[in-house]
Amino acid sequence: MSRVSLAEWQKFIQKYPDAHVLQTAEWGELKAAFGWDVVRLIQADQGIQILFRKLPLGFTAAYAPKPCLNPHANFAGDQFWAEVDQVCRQKRAIFLKIELDAWEHETIHLGSARRVFKPSPHNIQPPRTIVISLDGSLDDILARMKQKCRYNIRLAEKKDIAIRAWDDLDGFHQLMQVTGGRDGFGVHSQTYYRKAYDLFHQAGMAELFVAEFENKPLAALMIFAHGQRSWYLYGASNDQERNRMPTYLLQWEAMKWAREHGCMMYDLWGVPDADETTLEAQFEDRHDGLWGVYRFKRGFGGQLMRAAQAQDRVYMPLLYRLYLRRMGKDE
């Protein structure tokens, strides 16, 4: 295995067509532009892109979202993880957090008895999501949606909502600020969204769509695609003309774009981390956290899925415990 350059990683990803968007070279470059150090390692048919975030006193936190691992690889010799450990120690990482590119019912073994990963009490990405199958015809996809969702898509069309590709990142950021203030979540800077758009759009891996009424932006989203998968990572809307249901038609057009780009699934990226029985029993009454978006996303007829729990490899146990305490998590 060897530490590789950006160009070598890009070549590797070409041989891994269904790699997660968070392991693409573009994602690494996005994070590098905002203070993260990126290290990429390859061994045979598997690789890992590790992001290092600076902490006080020269320490770092290491994070590898959705690495390209072979679930059938034999790690008895542990060469792969030995080099990962070496890099992490050189970077003075307190721990390495890995979020596997797998669902919770799938099994991927990390390391050996000498290199222990343990389930983390803290995930970076939302672990639970809704995944929509793009298989079949457009009518098939619509038929899998809830009746009210189909109605809202058609209502938006009848009420003259227009969807088009957009490149106004200032306008998108303004919509994000409105949504963040209304729904209580953090918003990146305009520079961040611009960098994400420039990197991924140029590579043919992303599109920004806007929903308009009489040429006035009402909602927008940025969709990402790689291989047969697509992800709805960023979306926003203002409080105008909501009775015209612009967000429903916006999602539908994004799904069609993904399908045209060869994607077989559309990941709605983030709902409350609860089982389906709990979600269905409480979504009409709860409005905190991701509960509001679950009310919206459930209508599109996808399957509720949960990612494999994050795994931590701890290098400095005392500082790791202090980190968990700061995050409000129990070890």
C-alpha atoms as a PDB file:
ATOM      1  CA  MET A   1       0.000   0.000   0.000  1.00  0.00           C
ATOM      2  CA  SER A   2       1.178   3.529  -0.595  1.00  0.00           C
ATOM      3  CA  ARG A   3       0.232   7.112   0.048  1.00  0.00           C
ATOM      4  CA  VAL A   4      -0.921   8.507  -3.271  1.00  0.00           C
ATOM      5  CA  SER A   5      -1.364  11.849  -4.997  1.00  0.00           C
ATOM      6  CA  LEU A   6      -4.637  13.472  -6.016  1.00  0.00           C
ATOM      7  CA  ALA A   7      -4.177  12.278  -9.606  1.00  0.00           C
ATOM      8  CA  GLU A   8      -3.496   8.710  -8.482  1.00  0.00           C
ATOM      9  CA  TRP A   9      -6.593   8.752  -6.285  1.00  0.00           C
ATOM     10  CA  GLN A  10      -8.697  10.003  -9.177  1.00  0.00           C
ATOM     11  CA  LYS A  11      -7.403   7.111 -11.286  1.00  0.00           C
ATOM     12  CA  PHE A  12      -8.214   4.662  -8.482  1.00  0.00           C
ATOM     13  CA  ILE A  13     -11.757   5.983  -8.109  1.00  0.00           C
ATOM     14  CA  GLN A  14     -12.348   5.399 -11.812  1.00  0.00           C
ATOM     15  CA  LYS A  15     -11.860   1.687 -11.088  1.00  0.00           C
ATOM     16  CA  TYR A  16     -14.306   1.941  -8.167  1.00  0.00           C
ATOM     17  CA  PRO A  17     -17.330   3.291 -10.059  1.00  0.00           C
ATOM     18  CA  ASP A  18     -19.774   3.092  -7.180  1.00  0.00           C
ATOM     19  CA  ALA A  19     -17.560   4.718  -4.563  1.00  0.00           C
ATOM     20  CA  HIS A  20     -19.445   6.962  -2.181  1.00  0.00           C
ATOM     21  CA  VAL A  21     -19.424  10.673  -2.999  1.00  0.00           C
ATOM     22  CA  LEU A  22     -17.624  11.334   0.319  1.00  0.00           C
ATOM     23  CA  GLN A  23     -14.615   9.335  -0.913  1.00  0.00           C
ATOM     24  CA  THR A  24     -14.281  11.075  -4.259  1.00  0.00           C
ATOM     25  CA  ALA A  25     -11.265  13.239  -4.942  1.00  0.00           C
ATOM     26  CA  GLU A  26     -13.597  16.207  -5.311  1.00  0.00           C
ATOM     27  CA  TRP A  27     -14.884  15.779  -1.764  1.00  0.00           C
ATOM     28  CA  GLY A  28     -11.350  15.609  -0.430  1.00  0.00           C
ATOM     29  CA  GLU A  29     -10.460  18.796  -2.294  1.00  0.00           C
ATOM     30  CA  LEU A  30     -13.572  20.498  -0.936  1.00  0.00           C
ATOM     31  CA  LYS A  31     -12.591  19.697   2.644  1.00  0.00           C
ATOM     32  CA  ALA A  32      -8.949  20.645   1.982  1.00  0.00           C
ATOM     33  CA  ALA A  33     -10.110  24.090   0.892  1.00  0.00           C
ATOM     34  CA  PHE A  34     -11.648  24.595   4.329  1.00  0.00           C
ATOM     35  CA  GLY A  35      -8.862  23.587   6.656  1.00  0.00           C
ATOM     36  CA  TRP A  36      -8.736  19.787   6.544  1.00  0.00           C
ATOM     37  CA  ASP A  37      -5.569  17.874   5.654  1.00  0.00           C
ATOM     38  CA  VAL A  38      -6.237  14.994   3.247  1.00  0.00           C
ATOM     39  CA  VAL A  39      -4.270  11.757   3.027  1.00  0.00           C
ATOM     40  CA  ARG A  40      -5.111   9.025   0.519  1.00  0.00           C
ATOM     41  CA  LEU A  41      -3.871   5.437   0.786  1.00  0.00           C
ATOM     42  CA  ILE A  42      -4.316   2.576  -1.691  1.00  0.00           C
ATOM     43  CA  GLN A  43      -3.678  -1.133  -1.380  1.00  0.00           C
ATOM     44  CA  ALA A  44      -4.580  -3.315  -4.374  1.00  0.00           C
ATOM     45  CA  ASP A  45      -8.339  -2.949  -4.933  1.00  0.00           C
ATOM     46  CA  GLN A  46      -9.155  -0.889  -1.847  1.00  0.00           C
ATOM     47  CA  GLY A  47      -8.359   2.593  -0.630  1.00  0.00           C
ATOM     48  CA  ILE A  48      -9.095   5.111   2.066  1.00  0.00           C
ATOM     49  CA  GLN A  49      -9.259   8.913   1.979  1.00  0.00           C
ATOM     50  CA  ILE A  50      -8.643  10.258   5.483  1.00  0.00           C
ATOM     51  CA  LEU A  51      -9.482  13.791   6.562  1.00  0.00           C
ATOM     52  CA  PHE A  52      -7.525  15.330   9.438  1.00  0.00           C
ATOM     53  CA  ARG A  53      -9.000  18.214  11.415  1.00  0.00           C
ATOM     54  CA  LYS A  54      -6.696  20.333  13.544  1.00  0.00           C
ATOM     55  CA  LEU A  55      -7.291  20.385  17.292  1.00  0.00           C
ATOM     56  CA  PRO A  56      -5.609  22.474  20.010  1.00  0.00           C
ATOM     57  CA  LEU A  57      -1.990  21.770  21.018  1.00  0.00           C
ATOM     58  CA  GLY A  58      -1.121  20.207  17.654  1.00  0.00           C
ATOM     59  CA  PHE A  59      -3.430  17.207  17.923  1.00  0.00           C
ATOM     60  CA  THR A  60      -5.844  16.128  15.194  1.00  0.00           C
ATOM     61  CA  ALA A  61      -9.035  14.147  14.738  1.00  0.00           C
ATOM     62  CA  ALA A  62      -8.961  11.708  11.803  1.00  0.00           C
ATOM     63  CA  TYR A  63     -12.118  10.927   9.864  1.00  0.00           C
ATOM     64  CA  ALA A  64     -12.656   8.537   6.938  1.00  0.00           C
ATOM     65  CA  PRO A  65     -16.202   8.750   5.590  1.00  0.00           C
ATOM     66  CA  LYS A  66     -17.310   5.737   3.499  1.00  0.00           C
ATOM     67  CA  PRO A  67     -13.875   4.310   2.507  1.00  0.00           C
ATOM     68  CA  CYS A  68     -13.502   2.011  -0.475  1.00  0.00           C
ATOM     69  CA  LEU A  69     -12.936  -1.265   1.376  1.00  0.00           C
ATOM     70  CA  ASN A  70     -13.217  -4.803   0.082  1.00  0.00           C
ATOM     71  CA  PRO A  71     -15.586  -6.575   2.533  1.00  0.00           C
ATOM     72  CA  HIS A  72     -14.031  -9.914   1.606  1.00  0.00           C
ATOM     73  CA  ALA A  73     -10.402  -8.869   2.058  1.00  0.00           C
ATOM     74  CA  ASN A  74      -8.218 -10.863   4.442  1.00  0.00           C
ATOM     75  CA  PHE A  75      -6.625  -8.504   6.954  1.00  0.00           C
ATOM     76  CA  ALA A  76      -4.703 -11.233   8.832  1.00  0.00           C
ATOM     77  CA  GLY A  77      -1.397  -9.543   8.083  1.00  0.00           C
ATOM     78  CA  ASP A  78      -2.910  -6.148   8.825  1.00  0.00           C
ATOM     79  CA  GLN A  79      -0.642  -4.319   6.377  1.00  0.00           C
ATOM     80  CA  PHE A  80      -3.463  -2.024   5.326  1.00  0.00           C
ATOM     81  CA  TRP A  81      -4.300  -0.851   8.835  1.00  0.00           C
ATOM     82  CA  ALA A  82      -0.655  -0.749   9.896  1.00  0.00           C
ATOM     83  CA  GLU A  83      -0.017   2.023   7.387  1.00  0.00           C
ATOM     84  CA  VAL A  84      -3.257   3.764   8.332  1.00  0.00           C
ATOM     85  CA  ASP A  85      -2.087   3.701  11.952  1.00  0.00           C
ATOM     86  CA  GLN A  86       1.319   5.036  10.980  1.00  0.00           C
ATOM     87  CA  VAL A  87      -0.170   8.006   9.122  1.00  0.00           C
ATOM     88  CA  CYS A  88      -2.603   8.767  11.947  1.00  0.00           C
ATOM     89  CA  ARG A  89       0.174   8.715  14.533  1.00  0.00           C
ATOM     90  CA  GLN A  90       2.351  10.952  12.364  1.00  0.00           C
ATOM     91  CA  LYS A  91      -0.551  13.399  12.253  1.00  0.00           C
ATOM     92  CA  ARG A  92      -0.953  13.133  16.066  1.00  0.00           C
ATOM     93  CA  ALA A  93      -4.516  11.886  15.693  1.00  0.00           C
ATOM     94  CA  ILE A  94      -6.340  11.238  18.960  1.00  0.00           C
ATOM     95  CA  PHE A  95      -8.556   8.768  17.138  1.00  0.00           C
ATOM     96  CA  LEU A  96      -9.638   7.667  13.672  1.00  0.00           C
ATOM     97  CA  LYS A  97     -13.366   7.605  13.011  1.00  0.00           C
ATOM     98  CA  ILE A  98     -14.566   5.451  10.122  1.00  0.00           C
ATOM     99  CA  GLU A  99     -18.105   5.519   8.782  1.00  0.00           C
ATOM    100  CA  LEU A 100     -18.348   2.431   6.610  1.00  0.00           C
ATOM    101  CA  ASP A 101     -19.999   2.440   3.214  1.00  0.00           C
ATOM    102  CA  ALA A 102     -22.414  -0.232   4.394  1.00  0.00           C
ATOM    103  CA  TRP A 103     -25.844  -0.619   5.959  1.00  0.00           C
ATOM    104  CA  GLU A 104     -26.194  -1.846   9.535  1.00  0.00           C
ATOM    105  CA  HIS A 105     -27.225  -5.361   8.462  1.00  0.00           C
ATOM    106  CA  GLU A 106     -24.040  -5.745   6.379  1.00  0.00           C
ATOM    107  CA  THR A 107     -20.743  -6.961   7.831  1.00  0.00           C
ATOM    108  CA  ILE A 108     -17.311  -5.503   7.147  1.00  0.00           C
ATOM    109  CA  HIS A 109     -14.454  -6.479   9.438  1.00  0.00           C
ATOM    110  CA  LEU A 110     -11.934  -3.816  10.378  1.00  0.00           C
ATOM    111  CA  GLY A 111      -8.418  -4.716  11.487  1.00  0.00           C
ATOM    112  CA  SER A 112      -7.543  -7.598  13.757  1.00  0.00           C
ATOM    113  CA  ALA A 113      -7.308  -8.358  17.452  1.00  0.00           C
ATOM    114  CA  ARG A 114      -4.193  -6.178  17.612  1.00  0.00           C
ATOM    115  CA  ARG A 115      -5.866  -3.189  15.981  1.00  0.00           C
ATOM    116  CA  VAL A 116      -9.219  -2.759  17.597  1.00  0.00           C
ATOM    117  CA  PHE A 117     -12.015  -0.592  16.270  1.00  0.00           C
ATOM    118  CA  LYS A 118     -14.982  -0.107  18.551  1.00  0.00           C
ATOM    119  CA  PRO A 119     -18.490   1.197  17.892  1.00  0.00           C
ATOM    120  CA  SER A 120     -18.505   4.949  18.295  1.00  0.00           C
ATOM    121  CA  PRO A 121     -21.178   6.800  20.282  1.00  0.00           C
ATOM    122  CA  HIS A 122     -20.847   9.677  17.829  1.00  0.00           C
ATOM    123  CA  ASN A 123     -21.665   9.708  14.100  1.00  0.00           C
ATOM    124  CA  ILE A 124     -20.678  12.543  11.784  1.00  0.00           C
ATOM    125  CA  GLN A 125     -23.169  11.891   8.986  1.00  0.00           C
ATOM    126  CA  PRO A 126     -26.858  11.260   9.764  1.00  0.00           C
ATOM    127  CA  PRO A 127     -26.983   7.469  10.199  1.00  0.00           C
ATOM    128  CA  ARG A 128     -30.587   6.986   9.123  1.00  0.00           C
ATOM    129  CA  THR A 129     -31.933   7.938   5.726  1.00  0.00           C
ATOM    130  CA  ILE A 130     -34.581   7.171   3.129  1.00  0.00           C
ATOM    131  CA  VAL A 131     -33.379   5.613  -0.125  1.00  0.00           C
ATOM    132  CA  ILE A 132     -35.555   5.813  -3.221  1.00  0.00           C
ATOM    133  CA  SER A 133     -35.238   3.223  -5.956  1.00  0.00           C
ATOM    134  CA  LEU A 134     -35.019   4.738  -9.440  1.00  0.00           C
ATOM    135  CA  ASP A 135     -35.635   1.361 -11.059  1.00  0.00           C
ATOM    136  CA  GLY A 136     -38.436   1.028 -13.585  1.00  0.00           C
ATOM    137  CA  SER A 137     -40.259   3.699 -15.523  1.00  0.00           C
ATOM    138  CA  LEU A 138     -41.103   7.186 -14.297  1.00  0.00           C
ATOM    139  CA  ASP A 139     -44.646   5.969 -13.731  1.00  0.00           C
ATOM    140  CA  ASP A 140     -43.277   3.116 -11.615  1.00  0.00           C
ATOM    141  CA  ILE A 141     -41.357   5.567  -9.430  1.00  0.00           C
ATOM    142  CA  LEU A 142     -44.415   7.775  -9.023  1.00  0.00           C
ATOM    143  CA  ALA A 143     -46.570   4.760  -8.190  1.00  0.00           C
ATOM    144  CA  ARG A 144     -44.299   3.913  -5.237  1.00  0.00           C
ATOM    145  CA  MET A 145     -44.859   7.363  -3.726  1.00  0.00           C
ATOM    146  CA  LYS A 146     -47.624   8.147  -1.298  1.00  0.00           C
ATOM    147  CA  GLN A 147     -50.749   9.495  -2.951  1.00  0.00           C
ATOM    148  CA  LYS A 148     -50.434  12.925  -1.312  1.00  0.00           C
ATOM    149  CA  CYS A 149     -46.873  13.294  -2.607  1.00  0.00           C
ATOM    150  CA  ARG A 150     -47.916  12.510  -6.184  1.00  0.00           C
ATOM    151  CA  TYR A 151     -50.754  15.005  -5.798  1.00  0.00           C
ATOM    152  CA  ASN A 152     -48.351  17.733  -4.633  1.00  0.00           C
ATOM    153  CA  ILE A 153     -46.002  17.122  -7.575  1.00  0.00           C
ATOM    154  CA  ARG A 154     -48.874  17.510 -10.025  1.00  0.00           C
ATOM    155  CA  LEU A 155     -50.219  20.493  -8.113  1.00  0.00           C
ATOM    156  CA  ALA A 156     -46.887  22.274  -8.449  1.00  0.00           C
ATOM    157  CA  GLU A 157     -46.959  21.676 -12.205  1.00  0.00           C
ATOM    158  CA  LYS A 158     -50.504  23.027 -12.464  1.00  0.00           C
ATOM    159  CA  LYS A 159     -49.640  26.070 -10.363  1.00  0.00           C
ATOM    160  CA  ASP A 160     -46.884  27.107 -12.778  1.00  0.00           C
ATOM    161  CA  ILE A 161     -43.823  26.119 -10.767  1.00  0.00           C
ATOM    162  CA  ALA A 162     -40.823  25.983 -13.113  1.00  0.00           C
ATOM    163  CA  ILE A 163     -37.667  23.971 -12.420  1.00  0.00           C
ATOM    164  CA  ARG A 164     -34.351  24.756 -14.079  1.00  0.00           C
ATOM    165  CA  ALA A 165     -30.620  24.345 -13.571  1.00  0.00           C
ATOM    166  CA  TRP A 166     -29.174  27.277 -11.657  1.00  0.00           C
ATOM    167  CA  ASP A 167     -25.747  28.720 -10.961  1.00  0.00           C
ATOM    168  CA  ASP A 168     -26.651  31.562  -8.602  1.00  0.00           C
ATOM    169  CA  LEU A 169     -24.741  30.482  -5.498  1.00  0.00           C
ATOM    170  CA  ASP A 170     -25.479  33.786  -3.756  1.00  0.00           C
ATOM    171  CA  GLY A 171     -29.181  33.144  -4.214  1.00  0.00           C
ATOM    172  CA  PHE A 172     -28.790  29.563  -3.051  1.00  0.00           C
ATOM    173  CA  HIS A 173     -26.951  30.656   0.079  1.00  0.00           C
ATOM    174  CA  GLN A 174     -29.692  33.167   0.865  1.00  0.00           C
ATOM    175  CA  LEU A 175     -32.267  30.374   0.645  1.00  0.00           C
ATOM    176  CA  MET A 176     -30.102  28.194   2.880  1.00  0.00           C
ATOM    177  CA  GLN A 177     -29.922  30.940   5.498  1.00  0.00           C
ATOM    178  CA  VAL A 178     -33.705  31.274   5.511  1.00  0.00           C
ATOM    179  CA  THR A 179     -34.129  27.516   5.897  1.00  0.00           C
ATOM    180  CA  GLY A 180     -31.444  27.229   8.564  1.00  0.00           C
ATOM    181  CA  GLY A 181     -33.014  29.998  10.600  1.00  0.00           C
ATOM    182  CA  ARG A 182     -36.491  28.508  10.252  1.00  0.00           C
ATOM    183  CA  ASP A 183     -35.570  24.878  10.916  1.00  0.00           C
ATOM    184  CA  GLY A 184     -32.662  25.393  13.299  1.00  0.00           C
ATOM    185  CA  PHE A 185     -29.707  23.812  11.511  1.00  0.00           C
ATOM    186  CA  GLY A 186     -26.237  25.062  10.634  1.00  0.00           C
ATOM    187  CA  VAL A 187     -25.489  26.576   7.235  1.00  0.00           C
ATOM    188  CA  HIS A 188     -22.165  26.605   5.404  1.00  0.00           C
ATOM    189  CA  SER A 189     -20.710  29.788   3.969  1.00  0.00           C
ATOM    190  CA  GLN A 190     -21.491  30.917   0.449  1.00  0.00           C
ATOM    191  CA  THR A 191     -17.845  30.182  -0.392  1.00  0.00           C
ATOM    192  CA  TYR A 192     -18.298  26.563   0.695  1.00  0.00           C
ATOM    193  CA  TYR A 193     -21.333  25.970  -1.518  1.00  0.00           C
ATOM    194  CA  ARG A 194     -19.579  27.694  -4.421  1.00  0.00           C
ATOM    195  CA  LYS A 195     -16.523  25.459  -4.037  1.00  0.00           C
ATOM    196  CA  ALA A 196     -18.693  22.322  -3.837  1.00  0.00           C
ATOM    197  CA  TYR A 197     -20.604  23.383  -6.947  1.00  0.00           C
ATOM    198  CA  ASP A 198     -17.465  24.258  -8.910  1.00  0.00           C
ATOM    199  CA  LEU A 199     -15.685  20.988  -8.074  1.00  0.00           C
ATOM    200  CA  PHE A 200     -18.553  18.581  -8.646  1.00  0.00           C
ATOM    201  CA  HIS A 201     -20.429  20.359 -11.426  1.00  0.00           C
ATOM    202  CA  GLN A 202     -17.296  20.618 -13.543  1.00  0.00           C
ATOM    203  CA  ALA A 203     -16.804  16.871 -13.071  1.00  0.00           C
ATOM    204  CA  GLY A 204     -20.394  16.164 -14.171  1.00  0.00           C
ATOM    205  CA  MET A 205     -21.233  14.875 -10.691  1.00  0.00           C
ATOM    206  CA  ALA A 206     -23.614  17.552  -9.409  1.00  0.00           C
ATOM    207  CA  GLU A 207     -26.365  19.912 -10.425  1.00  0.00           C
ATOM    208  CA  LEU A 208     -28.049  22.828  -8.705  1.00  0.00           C
ATOM    209  CA  PHE A 209     -31.772  23.153  -9.402  1.00  0.00           C
ATOM    210  CA  VAL A 210     -34.120  25.992  -8.531  1.00  0.00           C
ATOM    211  CA  ALA A 211     -37.915  26.048  -8.324  1.00  0.00           C
ATOM    212  CA  GLU A 212     -39.390  29.365  -9.435  1.00  0.00           C
ATOM    213  CA  PHE A 213     -42.747  31.061  -9.710  1.00  0.00           C
ATOM    214  CA  GLU A 214     -42.904  34.039 -12.061  1.00  0.00           C
ATOM    215  CA  ASN A 215     -39.078  34.015 -12.147  1.00  0.00           C
ATOM    216  CA  LYS A 216     -38.806  34.302  -8.352  1.00  0.00           C
ATOM    217  CA  PRO A 217     -36.750  31.591  -6.604  1.00  0.00           C
ATOM    218  CA  LEU A 218     -38.771  29.648  -4.035  1.00  0.00           C
ATOM    219  CA  ALA A 219     -36.599  26.600  -3.358  1.00  0.00           C
ATOM    220  CA  ALA A 220     -33.361  25.022  -4.547  1.00  0.00           C
ATOM    221  CA  LEU A 221     -31.328  21.878  -4.049  1.00  0.00           C
ATOM    222  CA  MET A 222     -27.904  20.519  -4.931  1.00  0.00           C
ATOM    223  CA  ILE A 223     -27.832  16.875  -6.009  1.00  0.00           C
ATOM    224  CA  PHE A 224     -24.662  14.776  -6.259  1.00  0.00           C
ATOM    225  CA  ALA A 225     -24.183  11.616  -8.304  1.00  0.00           C
ATOM    226  CA  HIS A 226     -21.450   9.006  -8.625  1.00  0.00           C
ATOM    227  CA  GLY A 227     -21.869   5.674 -10.335  1.00  0.00           C
ATOM    228  CA  GLN A 228     -25.323   4.262  -9.705  1.00  0.00           C
ATOM    229  CA  ARG A 229     -25.967   6.348  -6.594  1.00  0.00           C
ATOM    230  CA  SER A 230     -27.156   9.903  -6.030  1.00  0.00           C
ATOM    231  CA  TRP A 231     -27.470  12.016  -2.895  1.00  0.00           C
ATOM    232  CA  TYR A 232     -29.608  15.000  -1.952  1.00  0.00           C
ATOM    233  CA  LEU A 233     -27.104  16.783   0.297  1.00  0.00           C
ATOM    234  CA  TYR A 234     -28.207  20.429   0.334  1.00  0.00           C
ATOM    235  CA  GLY A 235     -31.662  21.913  -0.045  1.00  0.00           C
ATOM    236  CA  ALA A 236     -33.483  25.075   0.953  1.00  0.00           C
ATOM    237  CA  SER A 237     -36.712  27.007   0.532  1.00  0.00           C
ATOM    238  CA  ASN A 238     -38.132  30.344   1.566  1.00  0.00           C
ATOM    239  CA  ASP A 239     -41.592  30.966   2.982  1.00  0.00           C
ATOM    240  CA  GLN A 240     -43.177  32.330  -0.191  1.00  0.00           C
ATOM    241  CA  GLU A 241     -45.817  30.551  -2.302  1.00  0.00           C
ATOM    242  CA  ARG A 242     -45.562  27.363  -0.237  1.00  0.00           C
ATOM    243  CA  ASN A 243     -49.119  26.440  -1.232  1.00  0.00           C
ATOM    244  CA  ARG A 244     -47.746  25.820  -4.729  1.00  0.00           C
ATOM    245  CA  MET A 245     -45.652  22.895  -3.385  1.00  0.00           C
ATOM    246  CA  PRO A 246     -42.391  23.833  -5.169  1.00  0.00           C
ATOM    247  CA  THR A 247     -40.204  21.493  -3.100  1.00  0.00           C
ATOM    248  CA  TYR A 248     -42.085  18.397  -4.273  1.00  0.00           C
ATOM    249  CA  LEU A 249     -41.627  19.146  -7.960  1.00  0.00           C
ATOM    250  CA  LEU A 250     -38.013  20.124  -7.269  1.00  0.00           C
ATOM    251  CA  GLN A 251     -37.262  16.685  -5.800  1.00  0.00           C
ATOM    252  CA  TRP A 252     -39.015  14.952  -8.664  1.00  0.00           C
ATOM    253  CA  GLU A 253     -36.944  16.798 -11.265  1.00  0.00           C
ATOM    254  CA  ALA A 254     -33.762  15.984  -9.318  1.00  0.00           C
ATOM    255  CA  MET A 255     -34.707  12.294  -9.337  1.00  0.00           C
ATOM    256  CA  LYS A 256     -35.198  12.431 -13.093  1.00  0.00           C
ATOM    257  CA  TRP A 257     -31.801  14.072 -13.505  1.00  0.00           C
ATOM    258  CA  ALA A 258     -30.197  11.330 -11.410  1.00  0.00           C
ATOM    259  CA  ARG A 259     -31.932   8.652 -13.447  1.00  0.00           C
ATOM    260  CA  GLU A 260     -30.716  10.221 -16.694  1.00  0.00           C
ATOM    261  CA  HIS A 261     -27.166  10.071 -15.281  1.00  0.00           C
ATOM    262  CA  GLY A 262     -27.371   6.324 -14.752  1.00  0.00           C
ATOM    263  CA  CYS A 263     -28.281   6.334 -11.062  1.00  0.00           C
ATOM    264  CA  MET A 264     -30.407   3.536  -9.635  1.00  0.00           C
ATOM    265  CA  MET A 265     -30.925   5.038  -6.193  1.00  0.00           C
ATOM    266  CA  TYR A 266     -31.594   8.469  -4.711  1.00  0.00           C
ATOM    267  CA  ASP A 267     -30.530   9.006  -1.109  1.00  0.00           C
ATOM    268  CA  LEU A 268     -32.578  11.655   0.710  1.00  0.00           C
ATOM    269  CA  TRP A 269     -29.774  11.973   3.286  1.00  0.00           C
ATOM    270  CA  GLY A 270     -30.964  12.273   6.818  1.00  0.00           C
ATOM    271  CA  VAL A 271     -34.043  11.575   8.927  1.00  0.00           C
ATOM    272  CA  PRO A 272     -34.365  11.109  12.716  1.00  0.00           C
ATOM    273  CA  ASP A 273     -32.425   8.126  14.013  1.00  0.00           C
ATOM    274  CA  ALA A 274     -35.435   6.090  15.096  1.00  0.00           C
ATOM    275  CA  ASP A 275     -37.115   2.927  13.851  1.00  0.00           C
ATOM    276  CA  GLU A 276     -39.996   3.147  11.418  1.00  0.00           C
ATOM    277  CA  THR A 277     -42.650   2.389  14.048  1.00  0.00           C
ATOM    278  CA  THR A 278     -41.470   5.317  16.173  1.00  0.00           C
ATOM    279  CA  LEU A 279     -41.150   7.628  13.185  1.00  0.00           C
ATOM    280  CA  GLU A 280     -44.635   6.895  11.932  1.00  0.00           C
ATOM    281  CA  ALA A 281     -46.147   7.248  15.411  1.00  0.00           C
ATOM    282  CA  GLN A 282     -44.550  10.617  16.167  1.00  0.00           C
ATOM    283  CA  PHE A 283     -43.900  12.524  12.927  1.00  0.00           C
ATOM    284  CA  GLU A 284     -47.170  14.483  13.031  1.00  0.00           C
ATOM    285  CA  ASP A 285     -46.500  15.832  16.525  1.00  0.00           C
ATOM    286  CA  ARG A 286     -42.742  16.395  16.615  1.00  0.00           C
ATOM    287  CA  HIS A 287     -41.016  19.323  14.953  1.00  0.00           C
ATOM    288  CA  ASP A 288     -37.513  19.259  16.480  1.00  0.00           C
ATOM    289  CA  GLY A 289     -34.325  18.177  14.714  1.00  0.00           C
ATOM    290  CA  LEU A 290     -34.945  16.208  11.539  1.00  0.00           C
ATOM    291  CA  TRP A 291     -38.587  15.424  12.298  1.00  0.00           C
ATOM    292  CA  GLY A 292     -39.875  18.122   9.978  1.00  0.00           C
ATOM    293  CA  VAL A 293     -37.874  16.798   7.045  1.00  0.00           C
ATOM    294  CA  TYR A 294     -39.055  13.239   7.758  1.00  0.00           C
ATOM    295  CA  ARG A 295     -42.644  14.407   7.289  1.00  0.00           C
ATOM    296  CA  PHE A 296     -41.632  15.643   3.845  1.00  0.00           C
ATOM    297  CA  LYS A 297     -39.282  12.843   2.778  1.00  0.00           C
ATOM    298  CA  ARG A 298     -41.519   9.913   3.762  1.00  0.00           C
ATOM    299  CA  GLY A 299     -43.918  10.769   0.962  1.00  0.00           C
ATOM    300  CA  PHE A 300     -41.516   9.848  -1.832  1.00  0.00           C
ATOM    301  CA  GLY A 301     -41.909   6.128  -1.280  1.00  0.00           C
ATOM    302  CA  GLY A 302     -38.363   5.193  -0.363  1.00  0.00           C
ATOM    303  CA  GLN A 303     -37.031   2.613   2.050  1.00  0.00           C
ATOM    304  CA  LEU A 304     -35.928   3.586   5.544  1.00  0.00           C
ATOM    305  CA  MET A 305     -32.299   2.512   5.972  1.00  0.00           C
ATOM    306  CA  ARG A 306     -29.647   2.857   8.661  1.00  0.00           C
ATOM    307  CA  ALA A 307     -25.929   3.042   7.961  1.00  0.00           C
ATOM    308  CA  ALA A 308     -23.473   0.855   9.826  1.00  0.00           C
ATOM    309  CA  GLN A 309     -22.497   2.478  13.096  1.00  0.00           C
ATOM    310  CA  ALA A 310     -19.349   4.608  13.046  1.00  0.00           C
ATOM    311  CA  GLN A 311     -16.226   2.854  14.322  1.00  0.00           C
ATOM    312  CA  ASP A 312     -13.396   4.512  16.273  1.00  0.00           C
ATOM    313  CA  ARG A 313      -9.752   3.453  16.433  1.00  0.00           C
ATOM    314  CA  VAL A 314      -8.366   5.162  19.551  1.00  0.00           C
ATOM    315  CA  TYR A 315      -4.708   6.230  19.752  1.00  0.00           C
ATOM    316  CA  MET A 316      -4.849   8.462  22.840  1.00  0.00           C
ATOM    317  CA  PRO A 317      -7.435   7.085  25.291  1.00  0.00           C
ATOM    318  CA  LEU A 318      -7.395   9.959  27.799  1.00  0.00           C
ATOM    319  CA  LEU A 319      -7.802  12.657  25.158  1.00  0.00           C
ATOM    320  CA  TYR A 320     -10.431  10.523  23.435  1.00  0.00           C
ATOM    321  CA  ARG A 321     -12.485  10.446  26.630  1.00  0.00           C
ATOM    322  CA  LEU A 322     -12.154  14.213  26.932  1.00  0.00           C
ATOM    323  CA  TYR A 323     -13.333  14.552  23.320  1.00  0.00           C
ATOM    324  CA  LEU A 324     -16.407  12.403  23.996  1.00  0.00           C
ATOM    325  CA  ARG A 325     -17.192  14.412  27.097  1.00  0.00           C
ATOM    326  CA  ARG A 326     -17.002  17.611  25.094  1.00  0.00           C
ATOM    327  CA  MET A 327     -19.350  16.086  22.491  1.00  0.00           C
ATOM    328  CA  GLY A 328     -21.760  15.134  25.275  1.00  0.00           C
ATOM    329  CA  LYS A 329     -21.330  11.433  24.516  1.00  0.00           C
ATOM    330  CA  ASP A 330     -20.656   8.591  26.899  1.00  0.00           C
ATOM    331  CA  GLU A 331     -17.969   6.103  26.000  1.00  0.00           C
END
